[in-house]
C-alpha atoms as a PDB file:
ATOM      1  CA  MET A   1    -171.544  11.407 -55.206  1.00  0.00           C
ATOM      2  CA  ASN A   2    -167.795  12.110 -55.271  1.00  0.00           C
ATOM      3  CA  ARG A   3    -167.083   8.482 -56.069  1.00  0.00           C
ATOM      4  CA  ILE A   4    -169.441   8.595 -59.061  1.00  0.00           C
ATOM      5  CA  LEU A   5    -167.847  11.823 -60.305  1.00  0.00           C
ATOM      6  CA  LEU A   6    -164.324  10.398 -59.968  1.00  0.00           C
ATOM      7  CA  THR A   7    -165.371   7.221 -61.760  1.00  0.00           C
ATOM      8  CA  ALA A   8    -166.860   9.247 -64.608  1.00  0.00           C
ATOM      9  CA  ILE A   9    -163.700  11.355 -64.920  1.00  0.00           C
ATOM     10  CA  ALA A  10    -161.485   8.271 -64.923  1.00  0.00           C
ATOM     11  CA  PHE A  11    -163.663   6.586 -67.531  1.00  0.00           C
ATOM     12  CA  SER A  12    -163.525   9.698 -69.746  1.00  0.00           C
ATOM     13  CA  ALA A  13    -159.742   9.821 -69.513  1.00  0.00           C
ATOM     14  CA  ILE A  14    -159.416   6.141 -70.434  1.00  0.00           C
ATOM     15  CA  ALA A  15    -161.837   6.506 -73.343  1.00  0.00           C
ATOM     16  CA  ALA A  16    -159.964   9.558 -74.664  1.00  0.00           C
ATOM     17  CA  ALA A  17    -156.627   7.754 -74.457  1.00  0.00           C
ATOM     18  CA  HIS A  18    -158.061   4.747 -76.280  1.00  0.00           C
ATOM     19  CA  ALA A  19    -159.554   6.939 -79.036  1.00  0.00           C
ATOM     20  CA  ALA A  20    -156.231   8.716 -79.519  1.00  0.00           C
ATOM     21  CA  GLN A  21    -154.475   5.374 -80.010  1.00  0.00           C
ATOM     22  CA  ALA A  22    -157.111   4.053 -82.413  1.00  0.00           C
ATOM     23  CA  ALA A  23    -157.359   7.153 -84.597  1.00  0.00           C
ATOM     24  CA  PRO A  24    -154.640   8.077 -87.087  1.00  0.00           C
ATOM     25  CA  ASN A  25    -152.609  11.151 -86.229  1.00  0.00           C
ATOM     26  CA  ASN A  26    -154.010  13.791 -88.563  1.00  0.00           C
ATOM     27  CA  ALA A  27    -151.855  16.506 -87.006  1.00  0.00           C
ATOM     28  CA  THR A  28    -148.971  15.333 -89.192  1.00  0.00           C
ATOM     29  CA  THR A  29    -151.158  14.978 -92.291  1.00  0.00           C
ATOM     30  CA  THR A  30    -151.029  17.947 -94.605  1.00  0.00           C
ATOM     31  CA  THR A  31    -153.538  17.683 -97.420  1.00  0.00           C
ATOM     32  CA  THR A  32    -154.544  20.262 -99.983  1.00  0.00           C
ATOM     33  CA  LYS A  33    -157.855  20.066-101.841  1.00  0.00           C
ATOM     34  CA  LEU A  34    -158.129  21.811-105.202  1.00  0.00           C
ATOM     35  CA  THR A  35    -161.143  22.413-107.411  1.00  0.00           C
ATOM     36  CA  VAL A  36    -160.074  21.995-111.039  1.00  0.00           C
ATOM     37  CA  ASN A  37    -162.056  22.984-114.114  1.00  0.00           C
ATOM     38  CA  GLY A  38    -161.443  21.451-117.518  1.00  0.00           C
ATOM     39  CA  MET A  39    -161.148  17.791-116.548  1.00  0.00           C
ATOM     40  CA  VAL A  40    -163.492  15.949-118.897  1.00  0.00           C
ATOM     41  CA  CYS A  41    -162.149  12.400-119.078  1.00  0.00           C
ATOM     42  CA  ALA A  42    -160.158   9.771-117.229  1.00  0.00           C
ATOM     43  CA  PHE A  43    -157.089  10.676-119.291  1.00  0.00           C
ATOM     44  CA  CYS A  44    -157.275  14.246-117.900  1.00  0.00           C
ATOM     45  CA  ALA A  45    -157.501  12.953-114.338  1.00  0.00           C
ATOM     46  CA  GLN A  46    -154.648  10.501-114.917  1.00  0.00           C
ATOM     47  CA  GLY A  47    -152.408  13.271-116.292  1.00  0.00           C
ATOM     48  CA  ILE A  48    -152.964  15.464-113.243  1.00  0.00           C
ATOM     49  CA  GLU A  49    -152.427  12.543-110.877  1.00  0.00           C
ATOM     50  CA  LYS A  50    -149.183  11.578-112.618  1.00  0.00           C
ATOM     51  CA  ARG A  51    -147.782  15.139-112.516  1.00  0.00           C
ATOM     52  CA  LEU A  52    -148.606  15.679-108.842  1.00  0.00           C
ATOM     53  CA  THR A  53    -147.418  12.229-107.757  1.00  0.00           C
ATOM     54  CA  ALA A  54    -144.022  13.016-109.305  1.00  0.00           C
ATOM     55  CA  LEU A  55    -143.468  15.935-106.907  1.00  0.00           C
ATOM     56  CA  PRO A  56    -140.966  14.969-104.183  1.00  0.00           C
ATOM     57  CA  GLN A  57    -143.214  16.187-101.326  1.00  0.00           C
ATOM     58  CA  THR A  58    -146.247  14.168-102.456  1.00  0.00           C
ATOM     59  CA  GLN A  59    -147.334  11.063-100.587  1.00  0.00           C
ATOM     60  CA  ALA A  60    -150.724  10.491-102.236  1.00  0.00           C
ATOM     61  CA  VAL A  61    -153.015  12.013-104.859  1.00  0.00           C
ATOM     62  CA  TYR A  62    -156.728  11.470-105.440  1.00  0.00           C
ATOM     63  CA  VAL A  63    -158.622  12.868-108.420  1.00  0.00           C
ATOM     64  CA  ASN A  64    -162.416  12.802-108.575  1.00  0.00           C
ATOM     65  CA  LEU A  65    -163.441  13.706-112.111  1.00  0.00           C
ATOM     66  CA  GLY A  66    -167.142  14.146-111.337  1.00  0.00           C
ATOM     67  CA  LYS A  67    -166.591  16.507-108.406  1.00  0.00           C
ATOM     68  CA  LYS A  68    -163.679  18.330-110.111  1.00  0.00           C
ATOM     69  CA  LEU A  69    -161.654  17.564-106.983  1.00  0.00           C
ATOM     70  CA  VAL A  70    -157.937  16.949-106.649  1.00  0.00           C
ATOM     71  CA  ALA A  71    -156.597  16.058-103.198  1.00  0.00           C
ATOM     72  CA  VAL A  72    -152.850  15.990-102.575  1.00  0.00           C
ATOM     73  CA  GLN A  73    -151.290  14.724 -99.359  1.00  0.00           C
ATOM     74  CA  ALA A  74    -147.757  15.640 -98.353  1.00  0.00           C
ATOM     75  CA  LYS A  75    -145.245  13.161 -97.026  1.00  0.00           C
ATOM     76  CA  GLU A  76    -144.742  13.285 -93.282  1.00  0.00           C
ATOM     77  CA  GLY A  77    -142.672  16.312 -92.332  1.00  0.00           C
ATOM     78  CA  GLN A  78    -143.132  17.877 -95.781  1.00  0.00           C
ATOM     79  CA  ILE A  79    -145.191  20.893 -96.829  1.00  0.00           C
ATOM     80  CA  LEU A  80    -147.008  21.257-100.133  1.00  0.00           C
ATOM     81  CA  ASP A  81    -146.415  24.473-102.040  1.00  0.00           C
ATOM     82  CA  THR A  82    -149.859  25.485-103.300  1.00  0.00           C
ATOM     83  CA  ALA A  83    -148.317  27.741-105.941  1.00  0.00           C
ATOM     84  CA  LYS A  84    -146.387  24.726-107.282  1.00  0.00           C
ATOM     85  CA  LEU A  85    -149.547  22.591-107.275  1.00  0.00           C
ATOM     86  CA  ARG A  86    -151.430  25.317-109.178  1.00  0.00           C
ATOM     87  CA  ALA A  87    -148.555  25.644-111.657  1.00  0.00           C
ATOM     88  CA  GLU A  88    -148.387  21.897-112.326  1.00  0.00           C
ATOM     89  CA  ILE A  89    -152.128  21.712-112.951  1.00  0.00           C
ATOM     90  CA  SER A  90    -152.108  24.860-115.103  1.00  0.00           C
ATOM     91  CA  GLU A  91    -149.182  23.550-117.169  1.00  0.00           C
ATOM     92  CA  ALA A  92    -151.237  20.421-117.797  1.00  0.00           C
ATOM     93  CA  GLY A  93    -153.932  22.651-119.309  1.00  0.00           C
ATOM     94  CA  PHE A  94    -156.452  22.935-116.490  1.00  0.00           C
ATOM     95  CA  ASP A  95    -157.791  25.790-114.360  1.00  0.00           C
ATOM     96  CA  VAL A  96    -157.578  25.728-110.560  1.00  0.00           C
ATOM     97  CA  THR A  97    -160.539  27.659-109.167  1.00  0.00           C
ATOM     98  CA  LYS A  98    -160.231  26.894-105.455  1.00  0.00           C
ATOM     99  CA  VAL A  99    -157.505  25.754-103.052  1.00  0.00           C
ATOM    100  CA  GLU A 100    -158.177  24.758 -99.468  1.00  0.00           C
ATOM    101  CA  PRO A 101    -156.256  22.944 -96.749  1.00  0.00           C
ATOM    102  CA  SER A 102    -157.741  19.800 -95.238  1.00  0.00           C
ATOM    103  CA  ASP A 103    -157.096  17.817 -92.070  1.00  0.00           C
ATOM    104  CA  GLU A 104    -158.288  14.638 -93.785  1.00  0.00           C
ATOM    105  CA  SER A 105    -155.940  12.192 -95.449  1.00  0.00           C
ATOM    106  CA  VAL A 106    -156.318  11.425 -99.155  1.00  0.00           C
ATOM    107  CA  GLU A 107    -157.546   7.956 -98.197  1.00  0.00           C
ATOM    108  CA  THR A 108    -160.305   9.456 -96.009  1.00  0.00           C
ATOM    109  CA  ILE A 109    -161.340  11.856 -98.793  1.00  0.00           C
ATOM    110  CA  ARG A 110    -161.437   8.973-101.281  1.00  0.00           C
ATOM    111  CA  ALA A 111    -163.570   6.843 -98.935  1.00  0.00           C
ATOM    112  CA  THR A 112    -165.956   9.746 -98.308  1.00  0.00           C
ATOM    113  CA  MET A 113    -166.421  10.348-102.023  1.00  0.00           C
ATOM    114  CA  LYS A 114    -167.051   6.648-102.715  1.00  0.00           C
ATOM    115  CA  ALA A 115    -169.604   6.502 -99.897  1.00  0.00           C
ATOM    116  CA  ARG A 116    -171.557   9.405-101.444  1.00  0.00           C
ATOM    117  CA  LYS A 117    -172.077   7.561-104.747  1.00  0.00           C
END
């Protein structure tokens, strides 16, 4: 019985170590998701993406026009200022109605949204 228990524990430890190596490190990923009203066309989405991509802390931006979603990922070691993100979007003529942090990368959010189509 002890041998089976030790084998199971060892297997669990090996599996956990393997999963940690295979999965990206989301602990260093800082992403902010914003709900934005007023986006009605691809030009609107492109304008927001361009403004937010120009920020020095930004690594990636994803805009989903249909879901009114803007996801912004910070560069490693950087922090996104949500007030600055709100200001940039507001200056572009849009209304931010919700801001929430996310552990997902922009690429993961993009893939999730495409899978839901």
